[in-house]
Amino acid sequence: MDFRTRRIIINTAVGTWARIASLLIGFFTAPILFNHLGSEQFGLFAILGSLAAYAGLLDFGIGPGLIKHFTEFSERDDPLAVRQVTTFATLFYLLLGVVFTPIVYYLAPTLSNLLSVNSDMQDLARICIISMFLYFILSGISGIFSARLVSLHRMDITASIGLVGQIIYGISVFIIIPLYPTVIAAIMLVYLQLFVNGVSTFLIVVRREPRVFSDPRKIPISLVRKLFAFGGWMQLNGLSALINLEADKLIIAAFVNLETVAFYQLGNRLAALNRVLPFQLLSAVMPAASSIRIKNDPNSIEVFYTHTSRYLMLITMMITGFVSIAAGHILTVWLGKPNPEAAYVTIALSISFALNNLTGAGTTIVRGAGLPRYETYYAWVSSVLNVIITVVLAKPFGIAGILVGTIIGNIIGSLYFLVLFHHVFKFPWSRSIGVWIWKLVFSTGVACLAVWLIELAFPVGYSLSRWFELSLVTATGLLYLGVFFGALTLLKFWTDEDKDAFRRFALRVLPLRRGRTL
């Protein structure tokens, strides 16, 4: 096992565990925010997160491309170019803050009106909008140093720092929000988390590379053009991703109400498990994808694509099946009472995200290859269909129509990308996807059936005790995993390379005595 493979495994494992812990913290803090802020203020808080994400479009794709550029220049042993990228990106975000903060301040009242915010919350909404824009600027600067660490195959460090920041945020929510139940207080706690993450990553980068910045006057125009050329496509990709992931909240706010946004946000957060955790793998392999493309080895690229797709969808299907079949019980544990609306949202979005994840390995490769336009083509197919169908169906069918539009857009867009990707790279479908995907789908179905049979005896609402529901979720979760992995083993899903990789990773991680083998 070479250095790159070891780093991918370690980064994925550490990142996944850190992300799981962060999600658990988020699950514990969400009810505190929801119960103390109320559904309307919590809905406003969710909308603000979407607006901050849309503000990210102002960086012209510079931020999303940093890992790729840092990795490329590191592979070419060009530390000056690395420093120039860092310097330009930092100055660029500062300039965005100077130019756009007055504009956001002027437009804040209009935005609050468009979001159908009640009159008694208008002033609060305006302050929050400005605060979240400033958060975007600071998080962009912080992200530069996180990207540098990831490009050095040290996502384990960024994941650990993120977890520490999340723990501090979680503790602060439990202490502060019951005393000061306002959206402003919630935003300040988000700032606290950003401060911890930003300062920590900056100090670590400076320790590894004492010379972080370069003379901004000597940054070549060719480098700036390179950053914007790649960033332009990433910008389009980012916009389409935001439309697919965040537009639903804005449409719900405009066509339904803020209270429904709160229920949607709860279901969306639970469904996001099958995006957030699997995509830890993609974050870990992004530097490797850039390195492989630089070496221009078609066979290595195909092997990379096949293996990454298998592992990505293994994690995806493992999560999707259980979250979907047990959504009602999980939400009861989480919120303390059944929430059918959020459960429907969870099931619909879980299936939609799972289908979309099948494109993850391919999009990582085209980014690493410097060909983000192929991702852009499919992303905009999904986005346009999503918006058109959701807007058409929102008025007569409400949130159900919005969910249907999201699912249809994701299905068609994902299939389009897979066809395009396999055509461009000439990878055979049967070898890269077909030989293993059916085994995952079948195993997921069998595992869901086993859990469903148990839930027939204990339907949602059978007991309002959180401890009973937690016990039921735990028991059915263990049953699901047992059936899922058992079915995969019977279907001979695991390869010799899988077994060898697990054995080597276990030998590295587990506290085994010298000389002892598995």
Protein backbone atom coordinates (compact mmCIF):
# COMPACT_ATOMS: atom_id res chain seq x y z
CA MET A 1 0.00 0.00 0.00
CA ASP A 2 1.65 3.27 -1.14
CA PHE A 3 1.69 6.59 0.70
CA ARG A 4 -1.22 8.05 -1.27
CA THR A 5 -3.49 5.08 -0.59
CA ARG A 6 -2.63 5.10 3.12
CA ARG A 7 -3.36 8.81 3.35
CA ILE A 8 -6.71 8.38 1.57
CA ILE A 9 -7.73 5.60 3.97
CA ILE A 10 -6.57 7.50 7.07
CA ASN A 11 -8.09 10.80 5.92
CA THR A 12 -11.38 9.13 5.06
CA ALA A 13 -11.53 7.25 8.36
CA VAL A 14 -10.62 10.24 10.52
CA GLY A 15 -12.82 12.58 8.49
CA THR A 16 -15.76 10.20 8.68
CA TRP A 17 -15.52 9.69 12.43
CA ALA A 18 -15.11 13.42 12.99
CA ARG A 19 -18.07 14.08 10.75
CA ILE A 20 -20.21 11.51 12.55
CA ALA A 21 -19.35 13.16 15.86
CA SER A 22 -20.16 16.58 14.40
CA LEU A 23 -23.48 15.33 13.09
CA LEU A 24 -24.34 13.91 16.49
CA ILE A 25 -23.58 17.28 18.02
CA GLY A 26 -25.78 18.88 15.38
CA PHE A 27 -28.60 16.45 16.13
CA PHE A 28 -28.44 17.31 19.83
CA THR A 29 -28.29 21.06 19.25
CA ALA A 30 -31.05 21.23 16.59
CA PRO A 31 -33.88 20.46 19.06
CA ILE A 32 -32.47 23.08 21.44
CA LEU A 33 -32.51 25.69 18.67
CA PHE A 34 -35.91 24.59 17.36
CA ASN A 35 -37.60 24.53 20.78
CA HIS A 36 -36.14 27.77 22.12
CA LEU A 37 -36.12 29.88 18.96
CA GLY A 38 -39.53 28.64 17.82
CA SER A 39 -40.40 27.36 14.37
CA GLU A 40 -40.44 30.83 12.77
CA GLN A 41 -37.05 32.00 14.06
CA PHE A 42 -35.57 28.55 13.39
CA GLY A 43 -36.90 28.78 9.84
CA LEU A 44 -35.24 32.19 9.48
CA PHE A 45 -31.98 30.71 10.77
CA ALA A 46 -32.21 27.96 8.13
CA ILE A 47 -32.88 30.50 5.39
CA LEU A 48 -29.86 32.54 6.49
CA GLY A 49 -27.69 29.49 5.97
CA SER A 50 -28.95 29.27 2.41
CA LEU A 51 -28.26 32.96 1.81
CA ALA A 52 -24.70 32.56 3.10
CA ALA A 53 -24.26 29.67 0.68
CA TYR A 54 -25.55 31.80 -2.21
CA ALA A 55 -23.13 34.56 -1.21
CA GLY A 56 -20.39 32.02 -1.93
CA LEU A 57 -21.13 32.50 -5.63
CA LEU A 58 -19.43 35.89 -5.42
CA ASP A 59 -15.99 34.30 -5.19
CA PHE A 60 -16.11 33.32 -8.91
CA GLY A 61 -15.20 29.73 -8.07
CA ILE A 62 -11.81 30.64 -6.55
CA GLY A 63 -12.52 28.86 -3.26
CA PRO A 64 -13.74 25.52 -4.68
CA GLY A 65 -10.67 25.29 -6.95
CA LEU A 66 -8.03 25.88 -4.28
CA ILE A 67 -7.40 22.22 -3.43
CA LYS A 68 -6.85 21.42 -7.09
CA HIS A 69 -4.39 24.30 -7.62
CA PHE A 70 -2.52 23.75 -4.37
CA THR A 71 -2.11 20.06 -5.20
CA GLU A 72 -0.98 20.77 -8.76
CA PHE A 73 1.73 23.23 -7.72
CA SER A 74 2.88 21.01 -4.85
CA GLU A 75 3.23 18.06 -7.25
CA ARG A 76 5.37 20.28 -9.49
CA ASP A 77 7.47 21.41 -6.51
CA ASP A 78 6.60 25.08 -7.01
CA PRO A 79 6.27 26.62 -3.51
CA LEU A 80 6.26 30.16 -4.92
CA ALA A 81 3.11 29.44 -6.92
CA VAL A 82 1.49 27.98 -3.77
CA ARG A 83 2.25 31.21 -1.88
CA GLN A 84 0.96 33.31 -4.76
CA VAL A 85 -2.33 31.37 -4.83
CA THR A 86 -2.70 31.86 -1.06
CA THR A 87 -1.96 35.59 -1.34
CA PHE A 88 -4.29 36.22 -4.26
CA ALA A 89 -7.17 34.26 -2.69
CA THR A 90 -6.84 36.13 0.63
CA LEU A 91 -6.76 39.56 -1.01
CA PHE A 92 -9.65 38.57 -3.27
CA TYR A 93 -11.93 37.70 -0.35
CA LEU A 94 -10.99 40.90 1.48
CA LEU A 95 -11.83 42.90 -1.65
CA LEU A 96 -15.19 41.13 -1.91
CA GLY A 97 -15.94 42.18 1.65
CA VAL A 98 -15.06 45.82 1.02
CA VAL A 99 -17.06 46.06 -2.21
CA PHE A 100 -20.17 44.04 -1.41
CA THR A 101 -20.83 44.74 2.29
CA PRO A 102 -22.40 48.18 1.54
CA ILE A 103 -24.46 46.62 -1.27
CA VAL A 104 -25.77 43.86 1.04
CA TYR A 105 -26.57 46.49 3.67
CA TYR A 106 -28.62 48.42 1.11
CA LEU A 107 -30.41 45.31 -0.23
CA ALA A 108 -31.09 43.67 3.16
CA PRO A 109 -34.61 45.21 3.58
CA THR A 110 -35.61 44.02 0.09
CA LEU A 111 -34.34 40.51 0.78
CA SER A 112 -36.23 40.30 4.06
CA ASN A 113 -39.44 41.29 2.26
CA LEU A 114 -38.90 38.66 -0.44
CA LEU A 115 -38.55 35.98 2.24
CA SER A 116 -42.03 36.78 3.59
CA VAL A 117 -40.64 37.66 7.02
CA ASN A 118 -43.28 38.98 9.43
CA SER A 119 -43.24 42.72 10.06
CA ASP A 120 -42.18 42.32 13.68
CA MET A 121 -39.08 40.41 12.55
CA GLN A 122 -38.02 42.68 9.66
CA ASP A 123 -35.28 44.53 11.57
CA LEU A 124 -33.94 41.29 13.01
CA ALA A 125 -33.86 39.71 9.55
CA ARG A 126 -31.87 42.63 8.10
CA ILE A 127 -29.23 42.42 10.82
CA CYS A 128 -28.97 38.66 10.32
CA ILE A 129 -28.56 38.98 6.55
CA ILE A 130 -25.64 41.39 6.93
CA SER A 131 -24.07 39.21 9.63
CA MET A 132 -24.25 36.08 7.48
CA PHE A 133 -22.61 37.88 4.54
CA LEU A 134 -19.68 38.85 6.72
CA TYR A 135 -19.55 35.22 7.85
CA PHE A 136 -19.16 34.18 4.21
CA ILE A 137 -16.14 36.48 3.78
CA LEU A 138 -14.40 35.22 6.91
CA SER A 139 -15.17 31.58 6.17
CA GLY A 140 -13.73 32.03 2.67
CA ILE A 141 -10.43 33.26 4.10
CA SER A 142 -10.41 30.44 6.65
CA GLY A 143 -11.11 27.93 3.87
CA ILE A 144 -7.89 28.90 2.07
CA PHE A 145 -5.76 27.38 4.81
CA SER A 146 -8.01 24.36 5.20
CA ALA A 147 -7.64 23.73 1.46
CA ARG A 148 -3.87 23.92 1.78
CA LEU A 149 -3.83 21.22 4.47
CA VAL A 150 -6.16 19.00 2.43
CA SER A 151 -3.90 19.39 -0.61
CA LEU A 152 -1.06 18.05 1.54
CA HIS A 153 -3.18 14.94 2.26
CA ARG A 154 -3.83 16.12 5.84
CA MET A 155 -7.60 16.19 5.86
CA ASP A 156 -7.30 14.33 9.16
CA ILE A 157 -6.01 17.58 10.69
CA THR A 158 -8.77 19.75 9.24
CA ALA A 159 -11.39 17.20 10.30
CA SER A 160 -10.07 17.15 13.87
CA ILE A 161 -10.01 20.95 14.05
CA GLY A 162 -13.55 21.07 12.69
CA LEU A 163 -14.67 18.63 15.35
CA VAL A 164 -13.15 20.73 18.13
CA GLY A 165 -14.93 23.79 16.78
CA GLN A 166 -18.18 21.86 16.58
CA ILE A 167 -17.84 20.67 20.19
CA ILE A 168 -17.29 24.24 21.37
CA TYR A 169 -20.30 25.33 19.33
CA GLY A 170 -22.46 22.52 20.74
CA ILE A 171 -21.58 23.29 24.35
CA SER A 172 -22.22 26.99 23.74
CA VAL A 173 -25.67 26.26 22.27
CA PHE A 174 -26.69 24.28 25.35
CA ILE A 175 -25.51 27.09 27.64
CA ILE A 176 -26.32 30.28 25.71
CA ILE A 177 -29.49 29.63 23.69
CA PRO A 178 -31.78 28.80 26.66
CA LEU A 179 -30.64 32.09 28.26
CA TYR A 180 -30.73 34.19 25.07
CA PRO A 181 -33.16 32.49 22.62
CA THR A 182 -32.58 34.73 19.60
CA VAL A 183 -31.29 34.22 16.07
CA ILE A 184 -28.56 36.79 16.74
CA ALA A 185 -27.20 34.66 19.58
CA ALA A 186 -27.26 31.58 17.33
CA ILE A 187 -25.30 33.45 14.63
CA MET A 188 -22.70 34.63 17.14
CA LEU A 189 -22.11 31.02 18.18
CA VAL A 190 -21.54 30.13 14.52
CA TYR A 191 -18.95 32.93 14.44
CA LEU A 192 -17.28 31.43 17.51
CA GLN A 193 -16.92 28.09 15.74
CA LEU A 194 -15.48 29.78 12.65
CA PHE A 195 -12.93 31.65 14.78
CA VAL A 196 -11.67 28.43 16.35
CA ASN A 197 -11.40 26.67 12.98
CA GLY A 198 -9.82 29.60 11.14
CA VAL A 199 -7.17 30.46 13.70
CA SER A 200 -6.21 26.82 14.24
CA THR A 201 -5.77 25.97 10.54
CA PHE A 202 -3.82 29.19 9.93
CA LEU A 203 -1.38 28.48 12.76
CA ILE A 204 -0.81 24.91 11.59
CA VAL A 205 -0.13 26.01 8.00
CA VAL A 206 2.27 28.70 9.22
CA ARG A 207 4.09 26.14 11.33
CA ARG A 208 4.51 23.81 8.34
CA GLU A 209 5.29 26.59 5.87
CA PRO A 210 6.64 29.73 7.62
CA ARG A 211 6.41 31.66 4.33
CA VAL A 212 2.70 31.58 3.56
CA PHE A 213 2.28 34.77 1.53
CA SER A 214 4.15 36.32 -1.38
CA ASP A 215 4.53 39.83 -2.74
CA PRO A 216 1.10 40.55 -4.30
CA ARG A 217 2.70 42.85 -6.88
CA LYS A 218 4.61 39.91 -8.36
CA ILE A 219 1.66 37.58 -8.87
CA PRO A 220 1.71 36.79 -12.62
CA ILE A 221 -1.35 37.57 -14.71
CA SER A 222 -1.17 34.05 -16.15
CA LEU A 223 -1.79 32.59 -12.68
CA VAL A 224 -4.77 34.88 -12.12
CA ARG A 225 -6.22 33.86 -15.48
CA LYS A 226 -5.68 30.19 -14.61
CA LEU A 227 -7.54 30.61 -11.30
CA PHE A 228 -10.48 32.41 -12.91
CA ALA A 229 -10.62 30.08 -15.93
CA PHE A 230 -11.00 27.02 -13.71
CA GLY A 231 -13.06 28.97 -11.19
CA GLY A 232 -15.56 30.08 -13.82
CA TRP A 233 -16.69 26.50 -14.41
CA MET A 234 -16.62 25.79 -10.68
CA GLN A 235 -18.76 28.88 -10.22
CA LEU A 236 -21.42 27.48 -12.52
CA ASN A 237 -21.18 24.13 -10.75
CA GLY A 238 -21.55 25.82 -7.39
CA LEU A 239 -24.60 27.76 -8.49
CA SER A 240 -26.31 24.64 -9.80
CA ALA A 241 -25.46 22.74 -6.61
CA LEU A 242 -26.97 25.52 -4.53
CA ILE A 243 -30.11 25.50 -6.63
CA ASN A 244 -30.45 21.75 -6.13
CA LEU A 245 -29.68 21.80 -2.40
CA GLU A 246 -30.91 25.19 -1.19
CA ALA A 247 -33.50 26.52 -3.63
CA ASP A 248 -36.22 24.35 -2.11
CA LYS A 249 -36.05 26.35 1.13
CA LEU A 250 -36.47 29.65 -0.69
CA ILE A 251 -39.34 28.29 -2.76
CA ILE A 252 -41.04 26.95 0.37
CA ALA A 253 -40.59 30.32 2.07
CA ALA A 254 -42.06 32.13 -0.93
CA PHE A 255 -44.94 29.74 -1.75
CA VAL A 256 -45.69 28.19 1.65
CA ASN A 257 -44.31 29.71 4.89
CA LEU A 258 -41.28 29.88 7.20
CA GLU A 259 -42.74 27.27 9.55
CA THR A 260 -42.72 24.68 6.77
CA VAL A 261 -39.11 25.63 6.05
CA ALA A 262 -38.31 24.53 9.61
CA PHE A 263 -39.81 21.06 9.03
CA TYR A 264 -38.04 20.81 5.67
CA GLN A 265 -34.72 21.76 7.28
CA LEU A 266 -35.09 19.02 9.90
CA GLY A 267 -35.76 16.36 7.27
CA ASN A 268 -33.04 17.74 5.02
CA ARG A 269 -30.48 17.62 7.80
CA LEU A 270 -31.23 13.97 8.53
CA ALA A 271 -31.23 13.04 4.83
CA ALA A 272 -27.90 14.83 4.37
CA LEU A 273 -26.23 11.98 6.27
CA ASN A 274 -25.92 10.12 2.98
CA ARG A 275 -24.19 13.10 1.36
CA VAL A 276 -21.99 14.41 4.14
CA LEU A 277 -20.44 11.11 5.25
CA PRO A 278 -19.80 9.57 1.81
CA PHE A 279 -18.35 12.84 0.55
CA GLN A 280 -15.64 12.62 3.20
CA LEU A 281 -14.18 10.00 0.87
CA LEU A 282 -14.32 12.37 -2.10
CA SER A 283 -12.61 15.13 -0.14
CA ALA A 284 -9.84 12.70 0.77
CA VAL A 285 -9.29 11.47 -2.80
CA MET A 286 -9.42 14.87 -4.54
CA PRO A 287 -5.64 15.48 -4.28
CA ALA A 288 -5.03 11.93 -5.52
CA ALA A 289 -7.31 12.52 -8.51
CA SER A 290 -5.29 15.59 -9.47
CA SER A 291 -2.02 13.68 -9.09
CA ILE A 292 -3.20 10.74 -11.20
CA ARG A 293 -4.42 13.03 -13.97
CA ILE A 294 -1.10 14.88 -14.04
CA LYS A 295 0.62 11.53 -14.67
CA ASN A 296 -1.91 10.87 -17.48
CA ASP A 297 -2.33 7.12 -16.93
CA PRO A 298 -5.72 6.00 -18.35
CA ASN A 299 -5.62 2.61 -16.63
CA SER A 300 -4.96 4.21 -13.25
CA ILE A 301 -7.83 6.63 -13.80
CA GLU A 302 -10.26 3.80 -14.56
CA VAL A 303 -9.15 1.81 -11.51
CA PHE A 304 -9.44 4.95 -9.39
CA TYR A 305 -12.95 5.61 -10.74
CA THR A 306 -14.17 2.06 -10.16
CA HIS A 307 -12.79 1.75 -6.63
CA THR A 308 -13.92 5.21 -5.56
CA SER A 309 -17.43 4.60 -6.93
CA ARG A 310 -17.70 1.25 -5.13
CA TYR A 311 -16.68 2.63 -1.76
CA LEU A 312 -18.70 5.81 -2.18
CA MET A 313 -21.88 3.92 -2.99
CA LEU A 314 -21.21 1.32 -0.28
CA ILE A 315 -21.28 4.08 2.33
CA THR A 316 -24.21 5.78 0.59
CA MET A 317 -26.46 2.73 0.37
CA MET A 318 -25.61 1.63 3.91
CA ILE A 319 -26.83 4.99 5.22
CA THR A 320 -29.67 5.63 2.76
CA GLY A 321 -31.50 2.38 3.40
CA PHE A 322 -31.60 2.66 7.18
CA VAL A 323 -32.30 6.40 7.34
CA SER A 324 -35.20 5.95 4.91
CA ILE A 325 -36.81 2.92 6.55
CA ALA A 326 -36.33 4.23 10.11
CA ALA A 327 -36.87 7.97 9.48
CA GLY A 328 -39.97 8.24 11.67
CA HIS A 329 -38.32 6.59 14.68
CA ILE A 330 -35.06 8.52 14.27
CA LEU A 331 -36.93 11.82 14.21
CA THR A 332 -38.88 10.81 17.31
CA VAL A 333 -35.61 10.17 19.15
CA TRP A 334 -34.21 13.42 17.84
CA LEU A 335 -37.15 15.77 18.45
CA GLY A 336 -38.90 13.95 21.28
CA LYS A 337 -42.11 13.45 19.31
CA PRO A 338 -43.20 12.10 15.90
CA ASN A 339 -42.93 14.49 12.96
CA PRO A 340 -44.55 12.96 9.84
CA GLU A 341 -43.80 16.00 7.65
CA ALA A 342 -40.07 15.86 8.36
CA ALA A 343 -40.10 12.06 7.90
CA TYR A 344 -41.53 12.36 4.38
CA VAL A 345 -38.90 14.98 3.54
CA THR A 346 -36.16 12.69 4.89
CA ILE A 347 -37.24 9.70 2.80
CA ALA A 348 -37.63 11.67 -0.42
CA LEU A 349 -34.34 13.54 -0.12
CA SER A 350 -32.42 10.43 1.01
CA ILE A 351 -33.37 8.61 -2.19
CA SER A 352 -32.64 11.69 -4.29
CA PHE A 353 -29.20 12.22 -2.73
CA ALA A 354 -28.31 8.54 -3.11
CA LEU A 355 -28.92 8.66 -6.85
CA ASN A 356 -26.89 11.83 -7.13
CA ASN A 357 -23.96 10.30 -5.21
CA LEU A 358 -23.37 7.88 -8.08
CA THR A 359 -21.83 10.80 -9.97
CA GLY A 360 -19.40 11.63 -7.15
CA ALA A 361 -16.34 9.73 -8.38
CA GLY A 362 -16.78 11.03 -11.92
CA THR A 363 -17.12 14.66 -10.86
CA THR A 364 -14.01 14.32 -8.69
CA ILE A 365 -12.05 13.03 -11.68
CA VAL A 366 -13.17 15.78 -14.05
CA ARG A 367 -12.28 18.39 -11.45
CA GLY A 368 -8.86 16.84 -10.88
CA ALA A 369 -8.37 16.66 -14.65
CA GLY A 370 -9.15 20.35 -15.01
CA LEU A 371 -12.33 19.57 -16.99
CA PRO A 372 -15.10 20.89 -14.71
CA ARG A 373 -17.27 21.80 -17.72
CA TYR A 374 -18.56 18.22 -17.89
CA GLU A 375 -19.82 18.55 -14.33
CA THR A 376 -21.34 21.89 -15.27
CA TYR A 377 -23.36 20.41 -18.14
CA TYR A 378 -25.11 17.85 -15.96
CA ALA A 379 -25.43 20.14 -12.95
CA TRP A 380 -27.39 22.68 -14.95
CA VAL A 381 -29.65 20.03 -16.43
CA SER A 382 -30.56 19.06 -12.85
CA SER A 383 -30.91 22.65 -11.68
CA VAL A 384 -33.13 23.88 -14.49
CA LEU A 385 -35.42 20.87 -14.23
CA ASN A 386 -35.50 21.20 -10.45
CA VAL A 387 -36.54 24.85 -10.50
CA ILE A 388 -39.08 24.52 -13.29
CA ILE A 389 -40.83 21.47 -11.85
CA THR A 390 -40.79 22.67 -8.22
CA VAL A 391 -42.17 26.12 -9.10
CA VAL A 392 -44.91 24.54 -11.23
CA LEU A 393 -45.87 22.01 -8.55
CA ALA A 394 -45.32 24.18 -5.45
CA LYS A 395 -48.61 26.07 -5.57
CA PRO A 396 -51.04 23.17 -6.14
CA PHE A 397 -49.18 20.47 -4.15
CA GLY A 398 -47.09 22.40 -1.61
CA ILE A 399 -44.01 20.72 -0.19
CA ALA A 400 -44.89 17.39 -1.88
CA GLY A 401 -44.60 19.00 -5.30
CA ILE A 402 -41.30 20.61 -4.36
CA LEU A 403 -39.87 17.24 -3.32
CA VAL A 404 -41.05 15.58 -6.54
CA GLY A 405 -39.35 18.29 -8.58
CA THR A 406 -36.09 17.80 -6.70
CA ILE A 407 -36.12 14.02 -7.21
CA ILE A 408 -36.92 14.21 -10.93
CA GLY A 409 -34.24 16.83 -11.54
CA ASN A 410 -31.61 14.78 -9.71
CA ILE A 411 -32.47 11.53 -11.49
CA ILE A 412 -32.35 12.95 -15.01
CA GLY A 413 -29.26 15.07 -14.34
CA SER A 414 -27.31 12.21 -12.74
CA LEU A 415 -28.10 9.80 -15.58
CA TYR A 416 -27.05 12.43 -18.11
CA PHE A 417 -23.66 12.90 -16.40
CA LEU A 418 -22.98 9.17 -16.16
CA VAL A 419 -23.66 8.72 -19.88
CA LEU A 420 -21.50 11.75 -20.73
CA PHE A 421 -18.64 10.71 -18.43
CA HIS A 422 -18.47 7.13 -19.69
CA HIS A 423 -18.57 8.38 -23.27
CA VAL A 424 -15.71 10.87 -22.76
CA PHE A 425 -13.43 8.53 -20.80
CA LYS A 426 -14.57 5.37 -22.62
CA PHE A 427 -15.00 3.35 -19.43
CA PRO A 428 -17.13 0.19 -19.88
CA TRP A 429 -20.34 0.31 -17.85
CA SER A 430 -20.30 -3.37 -16.90
CA ARG A 431 -16.81 -3.32 -15.44
CA SER A 432 -16.88 0.05 -13.69
CA ILE A 433 -20.46 0.03 -12.30
CA GLY A 434 -22.66 -2.84 -13.42
CA VAL A 435 -20.73 -5.69 -11.81
CA TRP A 436 -21.22 -4.40 -8.26
CA ILE A 437 -24.09 -1.86 -8.11
CA TRP A 438 -26.85 -4.49 -8.23
CA LYS A 439 -25.33 -6.25 -5.24
CA LEU A 440 -25.52 -3.05 -3.20
CA VAL A 441 -29.12 -2.36 -4.23
CA PHE A 442 -30.22 -5.92 -3.47
CA SER A 443 -28.46 -5.98 -0.08
CA THR A 444 -30.01 -2.63 0.84
CA GLY A 445 -33.48 -3.89 -0.08
CA VAL A 446 -33.13 -7.07 1.97
CA ALA A 447 -31.84 -5.12 4.99
CA CYS A 448 -34.73 -2.61 4.73
CA LEU A 449 -37.21 -5.49 4.55
CA ALA A 450 -35.82 -6.97 7.77
CA VAL A 451 -36.18 -3.63 9.59
CA TRP A 452 -39.67 -3.05 8.17
CA LEU A 453 -40.87 -6.39 9.57
CA ILE A 454 -39.75 -5.31 13.04
CA GLU A 455 -41.38 -1.88 12.65
CA LEU A 456 -44.73 -3.51 11.81
CA ALA A 457 -44.90 -4.51 15.47
CA PHE A 458 -43.61 -1.14 16.71
CA PRO A 459 -44.88 1.62 14.40
CA VAL A 460 -44.04 5.28 14.88
CA GLY A 461 -45.98 6.59 17.87
CA TYR A 462 -46.14 3.16 19.55
CA SER A 463 -44.26 4.72 22.44
CA LEU A 464 -43.52 8.38 23.11
CA SER A 465 -40.57 7.46 25.30
CA ARG A 466 -37.29 8.62 23.80
CA TRP A 467 -35.43 5.79 25.53
CA PHE A 468 -37.72 3.18 24.01
CA GLU A 469 -37.38 4.76 20.57
CA LEU A 470 -33.60 4.98 20.98
CA SER A 471 -33.45 1.32 21.94
CA LEU A 472 -35.60 0.41 18.94
CA VAL A 473 -33.46 2.47 16.55
CA THR A 474 -30.29 0.91 17.97
CA ALA A 475 -31.62 -2.64 17.71
CA THR A 476 -32.98 -2.21 14.19
CA GLY A 477 -29.77 -0.44 13.18
CA LEU A 478 -27.67 -3.41 14.27
CA LEU A 479 -30.09 -5.75 12.50
CA TYR A 480 -29.87 -3.64 9.34
CA LEU A 481 -26.06 -3.65 9.34
CA GLY A 482 -25.92 -7.38 9.98
CA VAL A 483 -28.27 -8.20 7.12
CA PHE A 484 -26.68 -5.62 4.81
CA PHE A 485 -23.10 -6.83 5.23
CA GLY A 486 -24.20 -10.45 5.39
CA ALA A 487 -25.96 -10.15 2.04
CA LEU A 488 -22.92 -8.43 0.51
CA THR A 489 -20.70 -11.26 1.72
CA LEU A 490 -23.03 -13.93 0.28
CA LEU A 491 -23.08 -12.07 -3.03
CA LYS A 492 -19.23 -11.95 -3.00
CA PHE A 493 -19.13 -8.17 -3.12
CA TRP A 494 -15.77 -7.98 -1.32
CA THR A 495 -12.61 -8.29 -3.38
CA ASP A 496 -9.21 -9.52 -2.24
CA GLU A 497 -8.03 -5.91 -2.38
CA ASP A 498 -10.86 -4.88 -0.03
CA LYS A 499 -9.86 -7.53 2.48
CA ASP A 500 -6.16 -6.65 2.22
CA ALA A 501 -6.86 -2.92 2.65
CA PHE A 502 -8.99 -3.58 5.73
CA ARG A 503 -6.33 -5.86 7.23
CA ARG A 504 -3.57 -3.29 6.70
CA PHE A 505 -5.70 -0.47 8.08
CA ALA A 506 -6.64 -2.54 11.13
CA LEU A 507 -2.99 -3.38 11.77
CA ARG A 508 -2.18 0.31 11.66
CA VAL A 509 -5.03 1.51 13.84
CA LEU A 510 -5.84 -1.22 16.34
CA PRO A 511 -3.66 -1.45 19.46
CA LEU A 512 -2.17 -4.83 18.52
CA ARG A 513 0.88 -6.22 20.26
CA ARG A 514 4.09 -6.48 18.30
CA GLY A 515 4.21 -9.65 16.28
CA ARG A 516 0.50 -10.33 16.54
CA THR A 517 -1.47 -10.70 13.30
CA LEU A 518 -5.17 -10.65 12.47
